[in-house]
Protein backbone atom coordinates (compact mmCIF):
# COMPACT_ATOMS: atom_id res chain seq x y z
CA MET A 1 -20.24 2.51 28.35
CA HIS A 2 -21.42 5.67 28.95
CA ASP A 3 -24.33 6.95 26.89
CA VAL A 4 -23.72 10.29 25.31
CA PRO A 5 -26.27 12.75 23.99
CA VAL A 6 -26.65 13.22 20.53
CA THR A 7 -26.35 16.97 19.79
CA ALA A 8 -26.12 19.16 17.02
CA GLU A 9 -22.21 19.03 17.67
CA TYR A 10 -21.77 15.22 18.52
CA LYS A 11 -22.96 12.68 16.40
CA PRO A 12 -22.22 8.91 17.28
CA TRP A 13 -19.93 7.24 14.90
CA ALA A 14 -21.45 3.95 14.75
CA SER A 15 -25.10 3.86 13.95
CA SER A 16 -26.03 1.29 16.33
CA PRO A 17 -24.53 -0.78 19.19
CA ARG A 18 -24.07 -3.69 16.73
CA VAL A 19 -22.63 -1.77 14.04
CA ARG A 20 -19.96 -0.17 17.03
CA ALA A 21 -19.38 -3.35 18.27
CA ALA A 22 -18.44 -4.94 14.78
CA MET A 23 -16.43 -1.76 13.66
CA ARG A 24 -14.43 -1.87 16.85
CA GLY A 25 -13.48 -5.51 15.90
CA ASN A 26 -11.42 -4.66 12.86
CA ARG A 27 -7.81 -5.09 13.17
CA ARG A 28 -5.09 -2.25 13.21
CA ARG A 29 -2.70 -5.05 12.11
CA ASP A 30 -2.26 -8.81 10.91
CA THR A 31 -4.89 -7.80 8.79
CA ARG A 32 -5.79 -11.07 6.25
CA PRO A 33 -4.77 -8.79 3.52
CA GLU A 34 -1.14 -7.87 5.27
CA LEU A 35 -0.26 -10.90 6.32
CA ALA A 36 -1.06 -12.05 2.98
CA VAL A 37 2.01 -9.57 1.35
CA ARG A 38 3.90 -10.09 4.41
CA ARG A 39 4.49 -13.96 3.46
CA ALA A 40 4.90 -12.94 -0.29
CA VAL A 41 7.15 -10.63 0.18
CA HIS A 42 9.31 -12.97 3.04
CA ALA A 43 8.76 -15.65 0.49
CA LEU A 44 10.88 -13.67 -1.89
CA GLY A 45 13.82 -13.41 0.71
CA LEU A 46 13.23 -9.89 2.21
CA ARG A 47 13.15 -9.47 6.00
CA TYR A 48 11.48 -6.39 7.61
CA ARG A 49 9.97 -4.94 10.62
CA VAL A 50 6.26 -5.26 11.10
CA ASP A 51 3.88 -2.62 12.69
CA ALA A 52 6.78 -0.26 13.23
CA ARG A 53 7.59 3.63 12.76
CA PRO A 54 9.86 4.32 9.89
CA LEU A 55 10.81 7.58 11.67
CA ALA A 56 11.05 7.94 15.42
CA ASP A 57 9.73 11.42 15.70
CA LEU A 58 6.61 10.43 13.29
CA ASN A 59 3.37 9.50 14.99
CA ARG A 60 2.48 6.80 11.82
CA ARG A 61 2.79 3.20 11.98
CA ALA A 62 3.80 1.28 8.62
CA ASP A 63 2.84 -1.83 8.11
CA LEU A 64 6.27 -3.42 6.50
CA VAL A 65 9.51 -1.54 7.43
CA PHE A 66 12.78 -1.36 5.24
CA PRO A 67 14.91 0.62 7.93
CA ARG A 68 18.46 0.02 5.92
CA ALA A 69 16.65 0.54 2.52
CA LYS A 70 14.31 3.24 3.80
CA VAL A 71 11.15 1.99 2.73
CA ALA A 72 7.72 1.78 4.40
CA VAL A 73 5.10 -0.40 3.09
CA PHE A 74 0.78 0.49 3.79
CA VAL A 75 -1.31 -2.22 3.35
CA ASP A 76 -4.22 0.07 2.55
CA GLY A 77 -8.21 -1.41 3.00
CA CYS A 78 -10.25 -0.10 0.82
CA TYR A 79 -12.84 0.88 2.77
CA TRP A 80 -10.75 2.89 5.20
CA HIS A 81 -8.63 4.45 2.65
CA GLY A 82 -11.37 5.24 -0.06
CA CYS A 83 -9.88 3.24 -2.59
CA PRO A 84 -10.98 4.48 -6.00
CA VAL A 85 -12.15 1.00 -7.34
CA HIS A 86 -13.29 -0.80 -4.25
CA GLY A 87 -14.37 2.03 -2.08
CA THR A 88 -18.18 2.37 -0.87
CA VAL A 89 -20.04 5.24 0.51
CA ALA A 90 -21.25 4.22 3.89
CA GLN A 91 -25.25 3.81 3.81
CA THR A 92 -25.72 5.56 7.59
CA ASN A 93 -23.84 8.35 9.22
CA ALA A 94 -22.80 8.86 5.75
CA ALA A 95 -21.20 12.68 6.51
CA TYR A 96 -19.06 11.15 9.26
CA TRP A 97 -17.77 8.34 7.29
CA ASP A 98 -17.16 10.71 4.19
CA GLN A 99 -14.99 13.15 6.85
CA LYS A 100 -13.38 10.48 8.17
CA ILE A 101 -12.05 8.60 4.92
CA ARG A 102 -10.83 11.61 3.82
CA ARG A 103 -8.94 12.35 6.80
CA ASN A 104 -7.54 9.06 6.38
CA ARG A 105 -6.51 9.68 2.57
CA GLU A 106 -5.02 13.28 3.71
CA ARG A 107 -2.78 11.70 6.48
CA ASP A 108 -2.14 9.22 4.20
CA LEU A 109 -0.49 11.64 1.84
CA GLU A 110 0.80 13.93 4.59
CA THR A 111 3.05 10.28 5.68
CA ASP A 112 4.11 10.11 2.07
CA THR A 113 5.38 13.48 1.77
CA VAL A 114 7.04 13.54 5.20
CA LEU A 115 8.90 10.26 4.34
CA ALA A 116 10.10 11.41 0.53
CA GLU A 117 11.23 14.51 2.24
CA ARG A 118 13.14 12.36 4.80
CA GLY A 119 14.56 9.95 1.95
CA TRP A 120 11.90 7.02 2.27
CA THR A 121 10.38 5.01 -0.07
CA SER A 122 6.79 5.10 0.69
CA LEU A 123 4.74 1.94 -1.15
CA ARG A 124 0.56 2.06 -1.08
CA VAL A 125 -0.38 -1.85 -1.31
CA TRP A 126 -4.72 -1.92 -1.48
CA GLU A 127 -6.02 -5.04 -0.03
CA HIS A 128 -7.63 -5.67 -2.85
CA GLU A 129 -4.30 -6.35 -4.91
CA LEU A 130 -2.63 -9.60 -5.63
CA PRO A 131 -0.06 -10.45 -2.60
CA ALA A 132 2.50 -11.96 -5.13
CA GLU A 133 2.33 -8.41 -7.45
CA ALA A 134 2.36 -6.41 -4.62
CA ALA A 135 5.65 -8.46 -3.21
CA THR A 136 7.27 -7.81 -6.67
CA ARG A 137 6.49 -4.18 -5.93
CA VAL A 138 8.00 -4.17 -2.67
CA PHE A 139 11.20 -6.29 -3.67
CA SER A 140 11.85 -3.88 -6.43
CA ALA A 141 11.48 -0.60 -4.26
CA VAL A 142 14.10 -2.35 -1.89
CA ILE A 143 16.46 -3.80 -4.24
CA LEU A 144 16.39 -0.27 -5.46
CA ALA A 145 17.35 1.56 -2.60
CA ARG A 146 19.60 -0.74 -1.75
CA SER A 147 21.64 -0.35 -5.02
CA ALA A 148 21.54 3.41 -4.46
CA SER A 149 22.69 3.63 -1.05
CA VAL A 150 25.58 1.65 -2.07
CA ARG A 151 26.26 3.75 -5.24
CA ALA A 152 26.02 6.42 -2.95
CA LYS A 153 28.23 5.14 -0.42
CA SER A 154 30.93 4.46 -3.23
CA ASP A 155 31.02 7.78 -4.71
């Protein structure tokens, strides 16, 4: 590991090596909330792609993707995505983390906008949501999208 000097332009994102190790241990996929939502959606009989790009030319990955129905599901962590109910403010390096979370939220909004412009439904599930309730929302969105697709083809 290289030591980078702290200057006015650069401040390390982790306040200590211990914090850095803990933060690097956070998973990008297969988190407990994501697995719980996936199990609940699967139990409702839906099949999906995991950790996939809804659009090949968009460098974003959804946690669950239903390509035919054009539904993308993102299971968002309360801290990382600034949950209005459970989001917290970092105690150290607060300016960095505030900016980081703000950028995450902006990217989420941009992703949802691009997907909507291309005919996709984007669902955001907070990690604190009950998996069964989230799965019901996903199920409804997929069934609605499938029925709309069938109606459009028959017209």
